Structure formats: C-alpha cells, structure tokens
Amino acid sequence: LLGVIVGFTGIVLTIQMSNAMNRKLI
C-alpha cells in the first residue's frame, strides 16, 4: 500500500515537473 502511494505520487510529480518545463522525459 505504501509503495503504491509513494510510487504514484512520484509519477504525478514527475509529470508535473516535466510539463512545467515543457520537456519530454526522454
């Protein structure tokens, strides 16, 4: 449960940060 919560928040933050910089993760 905790792993899913932490992993999901990490994914959301990653998407938000890359969108904020208008850059693709790759």
mmCIF file of all heavy atoms, coordinates in Angstrom:
data_MODEL
# 
_entry.id   MODEL 
# 
loop_
_atom_site.group_PDB 
_atom_site.id 
_atom_site.type_symbol 
_atom_site.label_atom_id 
_atom_site.label_alt_id 
_atom_site.label_comp_id 
_atom_site.label_asym_id 
_atom_site.label_entity_id 
_atom_site.label_seq_id 
_atom_site.pdbx_PDB_ins_code 
_atom_site.Cartn_x 
_atom_site.Cartn_y 
_atom_site.Cartn_z 
_atom_site.occupancy 
_atom_site.B_iso_or_equiv 
_atom_site.pdbx_formal_charge 
_atom_site.auth_seq_id 
_atom_site.auth_comp_id 
_atom_site.auth_asym_id 
_atom_site.auth_atom_id 
_atom_site.pdbx_PDB_model_num 
ATOM 1   N N   . LEU A 1 1  ? 0.825  -1.213 0.000   1.00 0.00 ? 1  LEU A N   1 
ATOM 2   C CA  . LEU A 1 1  ? 0.000  0.000  0.000   1.00 0.00 ? 1  LEU A CA  1 
ATOM 3   C C   . LEU A 1 1  ? 0.859  1.263  0.000   1.00 0.00 ? 1  LEU A C   1 
ATOM 4   O O   . LEU A 1 1  ? 0.640  2.181  -0.786  1.00 0.00 ? 1  LEU A O   1 
ATOM 5   C CB  . LEU A 1 1  ? -0.928 -0.007 1.217   1.00 0.00 ? 1  LEU A CB  1 
ATOM 6   C CG  . LEU A 1 1  ? -2.087 -1.017 1.176   1.00 0.00 ? 1  LEU A CG  1 
ATOM 7   C CD1 . LEU A 1 1  ? -2.804 -1.049 2.521   1.00 0.00 ? 1  LEU A CD1 1 
ATOM 8   C CD2 . LEU A 1 1  ? -3.056 -0.674 0.061   1.00 0.00 ? 1  LEU A CD2 1 
ATOM 9   N N   . LEU A 1 2  ? 1.855  1.284  0.905   1.00 0.00 ? 2  LEU A N   1 
ATOM 10  C CA  . LEU A 1 2  ? 2.706  2.476  0.988   1.00 0.00 ? 2  LEU A CA  1 
ATOM 11  C C   . LEU A 1 2  ? 3.552  2.632  -0.265  1.00 0.00 ? 2  LEU A C   1 
ATOM 12  O O   . LEU A 1 2  ? 3.791  3.745  -0.726  1.00 0.00 ? 2  LEU A O   1 
ATOM 13  C CB  . LEU A 1 2  ? 3.600  2.391  2.227   1.00 0.00 ? 2  LEU A CB  1 
ATOM 14  C CG  . LEU A 1 2  ? 2.889  2.393  3.580   1.00 0.00 ? 2  LEU A CG  1 
ATOM 15  C CD1 . LEU A 1 2  ? 3.903  2.402  4.710   1.00 0.00 ? 2  LEU A CD1 1 
ATOM 16  C CD2 . LEU A 1 2  ? 1.960  3.596  3.696   1.00 0.00 ? 2  LEU A CD2 1 
ATOM 17  N N   . GLY A 1 3  ? 4.005  1.504  -0.818  1.00 0.00 ? 3  GLY A N   1 
ATOM 18  C CA  . GLY A 1 3  ? 4.794  1.571  -2.046  1.00 0.00 ? 3  GLY A CA  1 
ATOM 19  C C   . GLY A 1 3  ? 3.990  2.138  -3.205  1.00 0.00 ? 3  GLY A C   1 
ATOM 20  O O   . GLY A 1 3  ? 4.495  2.952  -3.990  1.00 0.00 ? 3  GLY A O   1 
ATOM 21  N N   . VAL A 1 4  ? 2.741  1.718  -3.302  1.00 0.00 ? 4  VAL A N   1 
ATOM 22  C CA  . VAL A 1 4  ? 1.877  2.232  -4.375  1.00 0.00 ? 4  VAL A CA  1 
ATOM 23  C C   . VAL A 1 4  ? 1.644  3.734  -4.198  1.00 0.00 ? 4  VAL A C   1 
ATOM 24  O O   . VAL A 1 4  ? 1.681  4.504  -5.166  1.00 0.00 ? 4  VAL A O   1 
ATOM 25  C CB  . VAL A 1 4  ? 0.530  1.476  -4.388  1.00 0.00 ? 4  VAL A CB  1 
ATOM 26  C CG1 . VAL A 1 4  ? -0.472 2.172  -5.303  1.00 0.00 ? 4  VAL A CG1 1 
ATOM 27  C CG2 . VAL A 1 4  ? 0.751  0.039  -4.834  1.00 0.00 ? 4  VAL A CG2 1 
ATOM 28  N N   . ILE A 1 5  ? 1.395  4.157  -2.942  1.00 0.00 ? 5  ILE A N   1 
ATOM 29  C CA  . ILE A 1 5  ? 1.162  5.588  -2.678  1.00 0.00 ? 5  ILE A CA  1 
ATOM 30  C C   . ILE A 1 5  ? 2.388  6.410  -3.048  1.00 0.00 ? 5  ILE A C   1 
ATOM 31  O O   . ILE A 1 5  ? 2.300  7.428  -3.766  1.00 0.00 ? 5  ILE A O   1 
ATOM 32  C CB  . ILE A 1 5  ? 0.800  5.815  -1.195  1.00 0.00 ? 5  ILE A CB  1 
ATOM 33  C CG1 . ILE A 1 5  ? -0.560 5.208  -0.883  1.00 0.00 ? 5  ILE A CG1 1 
ATOM 34  C CG2 . ILE A 1 5  ? 0.787  7.310  -0.867  1.00 0.00 ? 5  ILE A CG2 1 
ATOM 35  C CD1 . ILE A 1 5  ? -0.912 5.223  0.595   1.00 0.00 ? 5  ILE A CD1 1 
ATOM 36  N N   . VAL A 1 6  ? 3.568  5.982  -2.584  1.00 0.00 ? 6  VAL A N   1 
ATOM 37  C CA  . VAL A 1 6  ? 4.804  6.722  -2.870  1.00 0.00 ? 6  VAL A CA  1 
ATOM 38  C C   . VAL A 1 6  ? 5.114  6.700  -4.358  1.00 0.00 ? 6  VAL A C   1 
ATOM 39  O O   . VAL A 1 6  ? 5.496  7.717  -4.950  1.00 0.00 ? 6  VAL A O   1 
ATOM 40  C CB  . VAL A 1 6  ? 5.986  6.131  -2.061  1.00 0.00 ? 6  VAL A CB  1 
ATOM 41  C CG1 . VAL A 1 6  ? 7.296  6.779  -2.474  1.00 0.00 ? 6  VAL A CG1 1 
ATOM 42  C CG2 . VAL A 1 6  ? 5.759  6.324  -0.569  1.00 0.00 ? 6  VAL A CG2 1 
ATOM 43  N N   . GLY A 1 7  ? 4.961  5.532  -4.980  1.00 0.00 ? 7  GLY A N   1 
ATOM 44  C CA  . GLY A 1 7  ? 5.238  5.428  -6.412  1.00 0.00 ? 7  GLY A CA  1 
ATOM 45  C C   . GLY A 1 7  ? 4.310  6.295  -7.241  1.00 0.00 ? 7  GLY A C   1 
ATOM 46  O O   . GLY A 1 7  ? 4.743  6.960  -8.188  1.00 0.00 ? 7  GLY A O   1 
ATOM 47  N N   . PHE A 1 8  ? 3.019  6.301  -6.866  1.00 0.00 ? 8  PHE A N   1 
ATOM 48  C CA  . PHE A 1 8  ? 2.050  7.102  -7.613  1.00 0.00 ? 8  PHE A CA  1 
ATOM 49  C C   . PHE A 1 8  ? 2.345  8.598  -7.486  1.00 0.00 ? 8  PHE A C   1 
ATOM 50  O O   . PHE A 1 8  ? 2.305  9.335  -8.478  1.00 0.00 ? 8  PHE A O   1 
ATOM 51  C CB  . PHE A 1 8  ? 0.637  6.804  -7.112  1.00 0.00 ? 8  PHE A CB  1 
ATOM 52  C CG  . PHE A 1 8  ? -0.441 7.578  -7.826  1.00 0.00 ? 8  PHE A CG  1 
ATOM 53  C CD1 . PHE A 1 8  ? -0.808 7.243  -9.123  1.00 0.00 ? 8  PHE A CD1 1 
ATOM 54  C CD2 . PHE A 1 8  ? -1.069 8.660  -7.215  1.00 0.00 ? 8  PHE A CD2 1 
ATOM 55  C CE1 . PHE A 1 8  ? -1.787 7.970  -9.795  1.00 0.00 ? 8  PHE A CE1 1 
ATOM 56  C CE2 . PHE A 1 8  ? -2.046 9.385  -7.880  1.00 0.00 ? 8  PHE A CE2 1 
ATOM 57  C CZ  . PHE A 1 8  ? -2.411 9.029  -9.179  1.00 0.00 ? 8  PHE A CZ  1 
ATOM 58  N N   . THR A 1 9  ? 2.654  9.042  -6.254  1.00 0.00 ? 9  THR A N   1 
ATOM 59  C CA  . THR A 1 9  ? 2.965  10.471 -6.080  1.00 0.00 ? 9  THR A CA  1 
ATOM 60  C C   . THR A 1 9  ? 4.230  10.845 -6.847  1.00 0.00 ? 9  THR A C   1 
ATOM 61  O O   . THR A 1 9  ? 4.328  11.949 -7.390  1.00 0.00 ? 9  THR A O   1 
ATOM 62  C CB  . THR A 1 9  ? 3.160  10.807 -4.587  1.00 0.00 ? 9  THR A CB  1 
ATOM 63  O OG1 . THR A 1 9  ? 4.160  9.942  -4.027  1.00 0.00 ? 9  THR A OG1 1 
ATOM 64  C CG2 . THR A 1 9  ? 1.877  10.634 -3.814  1.00 0.00 ? 9  THR A CG2 1 
ATOM 65  N N   . GLY A 1 10 ? 5.194  9.913  -6.899  1.00 0.00 ? 10 GLY A N   1 
ATOM 66  C CA  . GLY A 1 10 ? 6.407  10.179 -7.670  1.00 0.00 ? 10 GLY A CA  1 
ATOM 67  C C   . GLY A 1 10 ? 6.106  10.336 -9.150  1.00 0.00 ? 10 GLY A C   1 
ATOM 68  O O   . GLY A 1 10 ? 6.662  11.220 -9.820  1.00 0.00 ? 10 GLY A O   1 
ATOM 69  N N   . ILE A 1 11 ? 5.223  9.507  -9.668  1.00 0.00 ? 11 ILE A N   1 
ATOM 70  C CA  . ILE A 1 11 ? 4.840  9.598  -11.083 1.00 0.00 ? 11 ILE A CA  1 
ATOM 71  C C   . ILE A 1 11 ? 4.131  10.920 -11.366 1.00 0.00 ? 11 ILE A C   1 
ATOM 72  O O   . ILE A 1 11 ? 4.422  11.601 -12.354 1.00 0.00 ? 11 ILE A O   1 
ATOM 73  C CB  . ILE A 1 11 ? 3.938  8.409  -11.472 1.00 0.00 ? 11 ILE A CB  1 
ATOM 74  C CG1 . ILE A 1 11 ? 4.744  7.103  -11.437 1.00 0.00 ? 11 ILE A CG1 1 
ATOM 75  C CG2 . ILE A 1 11 ? 3.329  8.620  -12.850 1.00 0.00 ? 11 ILE A CG2 1 
ATOM 76  C CD1 . ILE A 1 11 ? 3.905  5.864  -11.595 1.00 0.00 ? 11 ILE A CD1 1 
ATOM 77  N N   . VAL A 1 12 ? 3.193  11.281 -10.474 1.00 0.00 ? 12 VAL A N   1 
ATOM 78  C CA  . VAL A 1 12 ? 2.453  12.538 -10.654 1.00 0.00 ? 12 VAL A CA  1 
ATOM 79  C C   . VAL A 1 12 ? 3.406  13.734 -10.629 1.00 0.00 ? 12 VAL A C   1 
ATOM 80  O O   . VAL A 1 12 ? 3.334  14.641 -11.470 1.00 0.00 ? 12 VAL A O   1 
ATOM 81  C CB  . VAL A 1 12 ? 1.373  12.689 -9.565  1.00 0.00 ? 12 VAL A CB  1 
ATOM 82  C CG1 . VAL A 1 12 ? 0.747  14.077 -9.617  1.00 0.00 ? 12 VAL A CG1 1 
ATOM 83  C CG2 . VAL A 1 12 ? 0.291  11.625 -9.746  1.00 0.00 ? 12 VAL A CG2 1 
ATOM 84  N N   . LEU A 1 13 ? 4.323  13.751 -9.654  1.00 0.00 ? 13 LEU A N   1 
ATOM 85  C CA  . LEU A 1 13 ? 5.292  14.844 -9.558  1.00 0.00 ? 13 LEU A CA  1 
ATOM 86  C C   . LEU A 1 13 ? 6.182  14.912 -10.796 1.00 0.00 ? 13 LEU A C   1 
ATOM 87  O O   . LEU A 1 13 ? 6.482  15.997 -11.299 1.00 0.00 ? 13 LEU A O   1 
ATOM 88  C CB  . LEU A 1 13 ? 6.158  14.673 -8.307  1.00 0.00 ? 13 LEU A CB  1 
ATOM 89  C CG  . LEU A 1 13 ? 5.573  15.177 -6.983  1.00 0.00 ? 13 LEU A CG  1 
ATOM 90  C CD1 . LEU A 1 13 ? 6.514  14.834 -5.839  1.00 0.00 ? 13 LEU A CD1 1 
ATOM 91  C CD2 . LEU A 1 13 ? 5.324  16.677 -7.032  1.00 0.00 ? 13 LEU A CD2 1 
ATOM 92  N N   . THR A 1 14 ? 6.596  13.751 -11.285 1.00 0.00 ? 14 THR A N   1 
ATOM 93  C CA  . THR A 1 14 ? 7.449  13.712 -12.476 1.00 0.00 ? 14 THR A CA  1 
ATOM 94  C C   . THR A 1 14 ? 6.743  14.334 -13.670 1.00 0.00 ? 14 THR A C   1 
ATOM 95  O O   . THR A 1 14 ? 7.329  15.147 -14.408 1.00 0.00 ? 14 THR A O   1 
ATOM 96  C CB  . THR A 1 14 ? 7.840  12.263 -12.805 1.00 0.00 ? 14 THR A CB  1 
ATOM 97  O OG1 . THR A 1 14 ? 8.548  11.695 -11.696 1.00 0.00 ? 14 THR A OG1 1 
ATOM 98  C CG2 . THR A 1 14 ? 8.732  12.208 -14.026 1.00 0.00 ? 14 THR A CG2 1 
ATOM 99  N N   . ILE A 1 15 ? 5.492  13.957 -13.862 1.00 0.00 ? 15 ILE A N   1 
ATOM 100 C CA  . ILE A 1 15 ? 4.711  14.506 -14.981 1.00 0.00 ? 15 ILE A CA  1 
ATOM 101 C C   . ILE A 1 15 ? 4.526  16.005 -14.824 1.00 0.00 ? 15 ILE A C   1 
ATOM 102 O O   . ILE A 1 15 ? 4.668  16.782 -15.781 1.00 0.00 ? 15 ILE A O   1 
ATOM 103 C CB  . ILE A 1 15 ? 3.344  13.792 -15.078 1.00 0.00 ? 15 ILE A CB  1 
ATOM 104 C CG1 . ILE A 1 15 ? 3.545  12.313 -15.446 1.00 0.00 ? 15 ILE A CG1 1 
ATOM 105 C CG2 . ILE A 1 15 ? 2.444  14.477 -16.103 1.00 0.00 ? 15 ILE A CG2 1 
ATOM 106 C CD1 . ILE A 1 15 ? 2.278  11.494 -15.387 1.00 0.00 ? 15 ILE A CD1 1 
ATOM 107 N N   . GLN A 1 16 ? 4.208  16.443 -13.600 1.00 0.00 ? 16 GLN A N   1 
ATOM 108 C CA  . GLN A 1 16 ? 4.003  17.877 -13.350 1.00 0.00 ? 16 GLN A CA  1 
ATOM 109 C C   . GLN A 1 16 ? 5.276  18.673 -13.612 1.00 0.00 ? 16 GLN A C   1 
ATOM 110 O O   . GLN A 1 16 ? 5.239  19.738 -14.224 1.00 0.00 ? 16 GLN A O   1 
ATOM 111 C CB  . GLN A 1 16 ? 3.537  18.095 -11.913 1.00 0.00 ? 16 GLN A CB  1 
ATOM 112 C CG  . GLN A 1 16 ? 2.106  17.670 -11.649 1.00 0.00 ? 16 GLN A CG  1 
ATOM 113 C CD  . GLN A 1 16 ? 1.683  17.926 -10.218 1.00 0.00 ? 16 GLN A CD  1 
ATOM 114 O OE1 . GLN A 1 16 ? 2.513  18.026 -9.317  1.00 0.00 ? 16 GLN A OE1 1 
ATOM 115 N NE2 . GLN A 1 16 ? 0.383  18.025 -9.993  1.00 0.00 ? 16 GLN A NE2 1 
ATOM 116 N N   . MET A 1 17 ? 6.412  18.164 -13.151 1.00 0.00 ? 17 MET A N   1 
ATOM 117 C CA  . MET A 1 17 ? 7.674  18.882 -13.329 1.00 0.00 ? 17 MET A CA  1 
ATOM 118 C C   . MET A 1 17 ? 8.090  18.941 -14.795 1.00 0.00 ? 17 MET A C   1 
ATOM 119 O O   . MET A 1 17 ? 8.533  19.987 -15.280 1.00 0.00 ? 17 MET A O   1 
ATOM 120 C CB  . MET A 1 17 ? 8.787  18.212 -12.515 1.00 0.00 ? 17 MET A CB  1 
ATOM 121 C CG  . MET A 1 17 ? 8.625  18.298 -11.010 1.00 0.00 ? 17 MET A CG  1 
ATOM 122 S SD  . MET A 1 17 ? 8.555  20.003 -10.391 1.00 0.00 ? 17 MET A SD  1 
ATOM 123 C CE  . MET A 1 17 ? 6.788  20.184 -10.108 1.00 0.00 ? 17 MET A CE  1 
ATOM 124 N N   . SER A 1 18 ? 7.945  17.840 -15.516 1.00 0.00 ? 18 SER A N   1 
ATOM 125 C CA  . SER A 1 18 ? 8.327  17.845 -16.933 1.00 0.00 ? 18 SER A CA  1 
ATOM 126 C C   . SER A 1 18 ? 7.386  18.735 -17.744 1.00 0.00 ? 18 SER A C   1 
ATOM 127 O O   . SER A 1 18 ? 7.825  19.433 -18.670 1.00 0.00 ? 18 SER A O   1 
ATOM 128 C CB  . SER A 1 18 ? 8.327  16.423 -17.506 1.00 0.00 ? 18 SER A CB  1 
ATOM 129 O OG  . SER A 1 18 ? 7.059  15.813 -17.361 1.00 0.00 ? 18 SER A OG  1 
ATOM 130 N N   . ASN A 1 19 ? 6.101  18.747 -17.388 1.00 0.00 ? 19 ASN A N   1 
ATOM 131 C CA  . ASN A 1 19 ? 5.157  19.642 -18.071 1.00 0.00 ? 19 ASN A CA  1 
ATOM 132 C C   . ASN A 1 19 ? 5.478  21.100 -17.780 1.00 0.00 ? 19 ASN A C   1 
ATOM 133 O O   . ASN A 1 19 ? 5.362  21.962 -18.653 1.00 0.00 ? 19 ASN A O   1 
ATOM 134 C CB  . ASN A 1 19 ? 3.724  19.341 -17.628 1.00 0.00 ? 19 ASN A CB  1 
ATOM 135 C CG  . ASN A 1 19 ? 3.201  18.033 -18.210 1.00 0.00 ? 19 ASN A CG  1 
ATOM 136 O OD1 . ASN A 1 19 ? 3.754  17.512 -19.180 1.00 0.00 ? 19 ASN A OD1 1 
ATOM 137 N ND2 . ASN A 1 19 ? 2.150  17.494 -17.617 1.00 0.00 ? 19 ASN A ND2 1 
ATOM 138 N N   . ALA A 1 20 ? 5.886  21.376 -16.534 1.00 0.00 ? 20 ALA A N   1 
ATOM 139 C CA  . ALA A 1 20 ? 6.225  22.747 -16.160 1.00 0.00 ? 20 ALA A CA  1 
ATOM 140 C C   . ALA A 1 20 ? 7.425  23.262 -16.947 1.00 0.00 ? 20 ALA A C   1 
ATOM 141 O O   . ALA A 1 20 ? 7.558  24.458 -17.203 1.00 0.00 ? 20 ALA A O   1 
ATOM 142 C CB  . ALA A 1 20 ? 6.521  22.826 -14.667 1.00 0.00 ? 20 ALA A CB  1 
ATOM 143 N N   . MET A 1 21 ? 8.308  22.353 -17.342 1.00 0.00 ? 21 MET A N   1 
ATOM 144 C CA  . MET A 1 21 ? 9.475  22.739 -18.126 1.00 0.00 ? 21 MET A CA  1 
ATOM 145 C C   . MET A 1 21 ? 9.238  22.558 -19.617 1.00 0.00 ? 21 MET A C   1 
ATOM 146 O O   . MET A 1 21 ? 10.110 22.871 -20.434 1.00 0.00 ? 21 MET A O   1 
ATOM 147 C CB  . MET A 1 21 ? 10.688 21.905 -17.691 1.00 0.00 ? 21 MET A CB  1 
ATOM 148 C CG  . MET A 1 21 ? 11.053 22.080 -16.229 1.00 0.00 ? 21 MET A CG  1 
ATOM 149 S SD  . MET A 1 21 ? 12.479 21.106 -15.743 1.00 0.00 ? 21 MET A SD  1 
ATOM 150 C CE  . MET A 1 21 ? 13.784 22.021 -16.569 1.00 0.00 ? 21 MET A CE  1 
ATOM 151 N N   . ASN A 1 22 ? 8.057  22.019 -19.960 1.00 0.00 ? 22 ASN A N   1 
ATOM 152 C CA  . ASN A 1 22 ? 7.701  21.762 -21.362 1.00 0.00 ? 22 ASN A CA  1 
ATOM 153 C C   . ASN A 1 22 ? 8.752  20.877 -22.033 1.00 0.00 ? 22 ASN A C   1 
ATOM 154 O O   . ASN A 1 22 ? 9.153  21.104 -23.176 1.00 0.00 ? 22 ASN A O   1 
ATOM 155 C CB  . ASN A 1 22 ? 7.556  23.073 -22.134 1.00 0.00 ? 22 ASN A CB  1 
ATOM 156 C CG  . ASN A 1 22 ? 6.817  22.879 -23.452 1.00 0.00 ? 22 ASN A CG  1 
ATOM 157 O OD1 . ASN A 1 22 ? 6.008  21.959 -23.589 1.00 0.00 ? 22 ASN A OD1 1 
ATOM 158 N ND2 . ASN A 1 22 ? 7.104  23.714 -24.428 1.00 0.00 ? 22 ASN A ND2 1 
ATOM 159 N N   . ARG A 1 23 ? 9.198  19.882 -21.297 1.00 0.00 ? 23 ARG A N   1 
ATOM 160 C CA  . ARG A 1 23 ? 10.210 18.974 -21.824 1.00 0.00 ? 23 ARG A CA  1 
ATOM 161 C C   . ARG A 1 23 ? 9.744  17.540 -21.652 1.00 0.00 ? 23 ARG A C   1 
ATOM 162 O O   . ARG A 1 23 ? 9.144  17.181 -20.644 1.00 0.00 ? 23 ARG A O   1 
ATOM 163 C CB  . ARG A 1 23 ? 11.556 19.172 -21.110 1.00 0.00 ? 23 ARG A CB  1 
ATOM 164 C CG  . ARG A 1 23 ? 12.074 20.589 -21.164 1.00 0.00 ? 23 ARG A CG  1 
ATOM 165 C CD  . ARG A 1 23 ? 13.481 20.669 -20.598 1.00 0.00 ? 23 ARG A CD  1 
ATOM 166 N NE  . ARG A 1 23 ? 14.416 19.989 -21.472 1.00 0.00 ? 23 ARG A NE  1 
ATOM 167 C CZ  . ARG A 1 23 ? 15.505 19.347 -21.040 1.00 0.00 ? 23 ARG A CZ  1 
ATOM 168 N NH1 . ARG A 1 23 ? 15.744 19.266 -19.767 1.00 0.00 ? 23 ARG A NH1 1 
ATOM 169 N NH2 . ARG A 1 23 ? 16.314 18.779 -21.899 1.00 0.00 ? 23 ARG A NH2 1 
ATOM 170 N N   . LYS A 1 24 ? 10.053 16.705 -22.636 1.00 0.00 ? 24 LYS A N   1 
ATOM 171 C CA  . LYS A 1 24 ? 9.711  15.293 -22.548 1.00 0.00 ? 24 LYS A CA  1 
ATOM 172 C C   . LYS A 1 24 ? 10.722 14.573 -21.673 1.00 0.00 ? 24 LYS A C   1 
ATOM 173 O O   . LYS A 1 24 ? 11.899 14.894 -21.662 1.00 0.00 ? 24 LYS A O   1 
ATOM 174 C CB  . LYS A 1 24 ? 9.684  14.675 -23.951 1.00 0.00 ? 24 LYS A CB  1 
ATOM 175 C CG  . LYS A 1 24 ? 8.605  15.258 -24.859 1.00 0.00 ? 24 LYS A CG  1 
ATOM 176 C CD  . LYS A 1 24 ? 8.617  14.587 -26.225 1.00 0.00 ? 24 LYS A CD  1 
ATOM 177 C CE  . LYS A 1 24 ? 7.523  15.152 -27.117 1.00 0.00 ? 24 LYS A CE  1 
ATOM 178 N NZ  . LYS A 1 24 ? 7.539  14.533 -28.471 1.00 0.00 ? 24 LYS A NZ  1 
ATOM 179 N N   . LEU A 1 25 ? 10.223 13.566 -20.959 1.00 0.00 ? 25 LEU A N   1 
ATOM 180 C CA  . LEU A 1 25 ? 11.092 12.832 -20.048 1.00 0.00 ? 25 LEU A CA  1 
ATOM 181 C C   . LEU A 1 25 ? 12.260 12.184 -20.777 1.00 0.00 ? 25 LEU A C   1 
ATOM 182 O O   . LEU A 1 25 ? 13.379 12.117 -20.251 1.00 0.00 ? 25 LEU A O   1 
ATOM 183 C CB  . LEU A 1 25 ? 10.285 11.758 -19.301 1.00 0.00 ? 25 LEU A CB  1 
ATOM 184 C CG  . LEU A 1 25 ? 9.342  12.269 -18.222 1.00 0.00 ? 25 LEU A CG  1 
ATOM 185 C CD1 . LEU A 1 25 ? 8.523  11.120 -17.654 1.00 0.00 ? 25 LEU A CD1 1 
ATOM 186 C CD2 . LEU A 1 25 ? 10.118 12.960 -17.111 1.00 0.00 ? 25 LEU A CD2 1 
ATOM 187 N N   . ILE A 1 26 ? 12.033 11.711 -21.979 1.00 0.00 ? 26 ILE A N   1 
ATOM 188 C CA  . ILE A 1 26 ? 13.115 11.066 -22.719 1.00 0.00 ? 26 ILE A CA  1 
ATOM 189 C C   . ILE A 1 26 ? 14.230 12.056 -23.038 1.00 0.00 ? 26 ILE A C   1 
ATOM 190 O O   . ILE A 1 26 ? 15.412 11.704 -23.092 1.00 0.00 ? 26 ILE A O   1 
ATOM 191 C CB  . ILE A 1 26 ? 12.573 10.413 -24.024 1.00 0.00 ? 26 ILE A CB  1 
ATOM 192 C CG1 . ILE A 1 26 ? 13.641 9.492  -24.614 1.00 0.00 ? 26 ILE A CG1 1 
ATOM 193 C CG2 . ILE A 1 26 ? 12.135 11.478 -25.023 1.00 0.00 ? 26 ILE A CG2 1 
ATOM 194 C CD1 . ILE A 1 26 ? 13.140 8.643  -25.761 1.00 0.00 ? 26 ILE A CD1 1 
# 
